[in-house]
Amino acid sequence: MSSTDGVVCSEADRLRASQDASQIHCLTRGESLGVMLIAETGVLSLLAVIYVFGIIIRNIFRRRRLSEEWKVFEEPTDLLLASLFAIDGIQAVGAIINVVWLHRGKVETGPFCEAQGIFKQYGEVGVAFNTILIALYTFIALWGGRKIRSMLKTAILVFLAWLAPLILVLIGNLTTQDFHGPVPLWCWITKRHPVWRIMGEYLWMWLGLAICILMYIPIYFWNRGNFVPQDKWWKVRVRSTRCSPIDSELRRKASIMLLYPLAYSIVVLPLSIIRWITFDREKKGYSEPTMATAATVLAGVLFASSGFLNVILYLRTRPDTALFGGRYREGPRLPSTVGGPRTSTWSAKPSRSISDSPASYICPDDRDSELDDFGRAPPSITR
C-alpha cells in the first residue's frame, strides 16, 4: 500500500483512478472523515426511524388489547407519516453503505456501489414524493377547506409514491451501462448520464422543494390571519393586521404538518446548490471533484439526517392520531388537519373542540361574519 497526500490506495488502484475516475476514487484522509460522518448520520437516522416504528407497533398492540381492533391506519395522517418514516429508513441505508468505502479507503464500482446507488436514488426520490403528498394534503385541507378522509385514495397515492421511484431505478439500470459509480465520495448516477441525473432524481427533488415552498407561504400567512381564503381557493382577502379567526389548536396542527415539508426544504436546498454547481462545472470539462470536500460533506450529512430530523419533529409534536398518539383515553378529539374520522378514543393529549374556540380568536372585522372552522369567508362576501 502507498500513502501519498493522505491517499491510502494500492498502486494498481491509483492507476485505475487516473485512467477512469468513474470506476474508482481513492479517498484522502479528509474525505474519509467526511464519508464517516455521513455514514454515522445515516445510522442515527435509521435508529430514529426504528424507534418510531417501535412506538407504532406498541400502539397497535395496545389498541388491540383495549379495543380488540387490529386496524393499523385510522386516518390519512397515519398512512402519510408512516410512509415518510419508512422511506426515510431506506434513504438512511444508502448513507450507511459509506462504511464500506471507509473500510476500503476507496469508492469503486461493484455490488456495494450498485446497492448504494439504488438505495440512494430510490430513497431520495421516494422521500420527495412522500413529502409532496404531505404538503398537498395539508394545503388542500387548510386552504381549500376540504379534509381528504378516504383511506383508499390515500393508500393509492402512497403506493404510487413508492412505485414511481422503483420504475425510475429499474429503467435507468436496465437501459444504460455503468449507471452507478463514484461521484466521488459515494456511489450515485455517473456523469455519463446527465439526463438521468435530472430526470431520475433531481427533477423530483427540486419539484418537491418548489411545491413545499409554494404551499408553505400562503398557509403561513393564513395561519397568521393575514390571508382569508374566499369561496374559490384561488381568491383571497388580505388583512394588513396580524389577527387570526382560526382556533389556536387548528393553527397549531397546521404548523405541525407544515414542519415536515419545511424540514425537507432545509435538507434538500444545500445539496441542490452543490449539485447545480457540479453539473455546470462538469459541462466545462472538469474531471476532478468540483466542490470543496467540506461543503460536499456538510450537504451530504444534512441530507442523511432527513430521517432523524423527521423523527425529532414527530417526538416534539406527536400527531393526535391513534397510530402515533402517546396514550389511550376516552373522549372526542380534534380531526387531523389532513382528514380522517372526527372522533377517536386515542389521543396524544386532550384537545378542545373547534366549536369551543374563544371569542378572542375572532378578528374585529370578522365578528359579524359566518366564518367556517378554517377562517374561510362565506360565498356571499363581496370581493
Foldseek 3Di string as FASTA:
>chain_A
DDADQQWDDDPVQVVVCVVPVQFKDFAGPVLLVLLVLLLVLLVLLLVLLVVQVVLLVVLQVVCCVVPVDNDRDFFLVSVLLNLLSVLLNLLSVLSNLSVVCSVNRMWGDDDSLLSSQLSNLLSQQLNLQSLLVLLVLLLCLQLVVDFDGDPVVSVVSNVCSNVVLVVLSVCQVVVDPSQWGPPPSGIHGDPVCVVCVCVSHVVSLVVSLVSLVVSPVVLVLQLQVQWAAENDSVDIDGDPDRAHLAFPVLSLLSVLSSVLSVLSNVLVVLQVVLVVQQNVVVVVPDPDDDDPSVSNSVSSSSNSNSSVVSSVSCVVRQFFDSSRADDFADDAADARSNHGDRGDRGGNDHDDYLVPGDPRRRDPVCPPFDADNSNHGYNVDDD
